[in-house]
Protein backbone atom coordinates (compact mmCIF):
# COMPACT_ATOMS: atom_id res chain seq x y z
CA MET A 1 259.81 260.31 229.85
CA ILE A 2 259.89 261.04 226.11
CA LEU A 3 258.89 257.46 225.29
CA SER A 4 256.00 257.73 227.74
CA CYS A 5 254.78 260.93 226.04
CA LEU A 6 255.10 259.33 222.60
CA HIS A 7 253.20 256.26 223.75
CA GLN A 8 250.43 258.44 225.22
CA GLY A 9 250.29 260.51 222.02
CA THR A 10 250.00 257.33 219.93
CA ARG A 11 247.25 256.03 222.21
CA ASP A 12 245.34 259.35 222.00
CA LEU A 13 245.61 259.35 218.20
CA HIS A 14 244.41 255.74 218.06
CA GLU A 15 241.44 256.54 220.34
CA ARG A 16 240.44 259.55 218.18
CA ARG A 17 240.60 257.42 215.02
CA GLN A 18 238.59 254.71 216.74
CA ARG A 19 235.90 257.17 217.82
CA ARG A 20 235.64 258.52 214.26
CA GLN A 21 235.31 255.00 212.86
CA ASP A 22 232.69 254.11 215.50
CA ASP A 23 230.77 257.31 214.72
CA HIS A 24 230.87 256.48 211.02
CA GLU A 25 229.52 252.97 211.70
CA ASP A 26 226.81 254.41 213.96
CA ASN A 27 225.78 256.88 211.26
CA ALA A 28 225.75 254.14 208.64
CA ASN A 29 223.31 252.24 210.86
CA HIS A 30 221.32 255.33 211.75
CA ASP A 31 218.46 254.09 209.57
CA LYS A 32 216.99 252.37 212.57
CA ASN A 33 214.90 249.32 212.01
CA GLN A 34 211.64 250.09 213.73
CA GLY A 35 208.05 248.98 213.61
CA TRP A 36 205.24 246.97 215.14
CA LEU A 37 205.83 243.35 216.14
CA GLU A 38 203.97 241.05 218.48
CA LYS A 39 205.86 239.85 221.53
CA CYS A 40 205.11 236.64 223.36
CA GLY A 41 204.76 237.09 227.12
CA THR A 42 207.74 235.93 229.16
CA HIS A 43 206.19 235.83 232.63
CA VAL A 44 204.43 232.73 233.93
CA TYR A 45 201.06 234.49 234.05
CA SER A 46 201.36 235.82 230.48
CA ARG A 47 202.91 232.93 228.55
CA ASN A 48 201.30 232.38 225.18
CA LYS A 49 199.82 235.86 225.42
CA TRP A 50 200.87 238.01 222.48
CA THR A 51 201.06 241.77 222.87
CA ARG A 52 201.65 244.35 220.15
CA ARG A 53 204.78 246.43 220.81
CA TYR A 54 206.67 249.05 218.84
CA PHE A 55 210.32 247.96 218.44
CA VAL A 56 213.24 250.27 217.74
CA LEU A 57 216.71 248.95 216.92
CA THR A 58 219.52 251.42 217.63
CA CYS A 59 223.26 250.92 217.33
CA ASN A 60 223.50 249.60 220.91
CA GLU A 61 220.09 248.32 221.96
CA LEU A 62 216.79 246.76 220.93
CA HIS A 63 213.99 248.73 222.65
CA TYR A 64 210.28 248.05 222.74
CA PHE A 65 207.42 250.35 223.65
CA LYS A 66 203.74 250.24 224.46
CA ARG A 67 201.95 252.89 222.48
CA GLY A 68 200.19 255.22 224.86
CA ASP A 69 197.46 257.81 224.55
CA ASN A 70 199.92 260.65 225.07
CA ASP A 71 201.98 262.40 222.40
CA ASP A 72 205.23 260.50 223.09
CA LEU A 73 206.99 259.50 219.91
CA PHE A 74 206.93 255.78 220.70
CA GLY A 75 204.86 255.62 223.87
CA THR A 76 205.96 254.07 227.16
CA LYS A 77 209.19 252.08 227.09
CA ARG A 78 208.45 248.53 228.22
CA GLY A 79 211.89 246.95 227.86
CA GLY A 80 215.09 246.58 225.94
CA PHE A 81 218.22 244.52 225.47
CA GLU A 82 221.80 245.56 224.87
CA LEU A 83 222.86 244.17 221.52
CA ALA A 84 226.21 242.95 222.88
CA THR A 85 224.31 240.52 225.17
CA ILE A 86 222.35 238.95 222.30
CA GLN A 87 223.74 235.76 220.79
CA ALA A 88 221.32 235.23 217.93
CA ALA A 89 218.12 236.37 216.28
CA ILE A 90 216.85 233.50 214.18
CA PRO A 91 213.59 232.47 212.51
CA LYS A 92 211.52 230.22 214.76
CA HIS A 93 209.13 227.91 212.91
CA ASP A 94 207.63 225.77 215.69
CA VAL A 95 205.28 228.34 217.28
CA PRO A 96 201.62 227.27 217.03
CA ASP A 97 199.46 229.56 214.88
CA ARG A 98 202.44 231.83 214.13
CA GLU A 99 204.40 231.46 210.88
CA TYR A 100 206.97 234.28 211.00
CA CYS A 101 208.44 234.26 214.48
CA ILE A 102 211.91 235.36 215.56
CA GLU A 103 213.67 233.92 218.58
CA ILE A 104 216.25 236.10 220.28
CA THR A 105 218.69 234.38 222.63
CA THR A 106 221.33 235.74 224.97
CA VAL A 107 225.03 234.83 225.07
CA ASP A 108 224.32 232.40 227.92
CA ASP A 109 221.96 230.61 225.48
CA VAL A 110 218.74 231.45 227.30
CA SER A 111 215.77 232.38 225.12
CA ILE A 112 214.77 235.90 226.05
CA LEU A 113 212.25 236.95 223.45
CA VAL A 114 209.93 235.51 220.82
CA LEU A 115 208.48 237.95 218.30
CA ASP A 116 205.98 237.61 215.47
CA ALA A 117 206.94 239.57 212.36
CA HIS A 118 203.69 238.89 210.40
CA ASP A 119 205.40 238.10 207.07
CA SER A 120 208.60 236.51 205.77
CA THR A 121 210.12 239.76 204.46
CA ASN A 122 209.69 241.49 207.80
CA GLN A 123 211.01 238.42 209.63
CA ARG A 124 214.13 238.27 207.45
CA SER A 125 214.69 242.03 207.72
CA TRP A 126 214.53 242.02 211.53
CA CYS A 127 216.79 238.94 211.84
CA GLU A 128 219.41 240.50 209.55
CA ALA A 129 219.26 243.93 211.21
CA ILE A 130 219.54 242.53 214.73
CA SER A 131 222.38 240.19 213.70
CA GLN A 132 224.27 243.05 212.05
CA GLY A 133 223.68 245.26 215.11
CA VAL A 134 224.97 242.53 217.42
CA HIS A 135 228.09 242.11 215.28
CA LEU A 136 228.84 245.85 215.30
CA ALA A 137 228.10 246.21 219.04
CA ARG A 138 230.49 243.37 219.88
CA ARG A 139 233.16 244.78 217.58
CA LYS A 140 232.88 248.19 219.25
CA LEU A 141 233.04 246.58 222.69
CA LYS A 142 236.15 244.61 221.73
CA LYS A 143 237.82 247.74 220.34
CA ARG A 144 237.09 249.64 223.54
CA ARG A 145 238.54 246.83 225.65
CA ASN A 146 241.66 246.73 223.47
CA THR A 147 242.04 250.50 223.79
CA LEU A 148 241.76 250.30 227.58
CA THR A 149 244.31 247.49 227.81
CA GLY A 150 246.67 249.12 225.32
CA ASP A 151 246.37 246.43 222.64
CA PHE A 152 246.33 248.16 219.27
């Protein structure tokens, strides 16, 4: 009984420390990468059609919005991807008439998104920010799984 209480107390302390560390990492990444990019259509009827979308990278997700006529901060949300499901965000150089594209692929190695960043600095910045966000999201997910299974 005493050992069970001690184990539970140790687990609770570990979870509180973990939450504080996760909150610190979230706050460190609170300077969200956000801005206008062009997104290549993914549906059969819209392939090779580029649409301007406002992208916002948070600590858990990459969101994109269509700017509306209303007073919404970003407009209408059009989609998003959990960072833990993204495998890579890499420069893509073989897109006709587009020099600064980014290809985002999922963990099952399926291309899910092609974006145009308009210049090399923006392209590099988005690739690095998404890659860092993916790394942190996976690390948080792994820590949560370890906490649930009791692996410290």
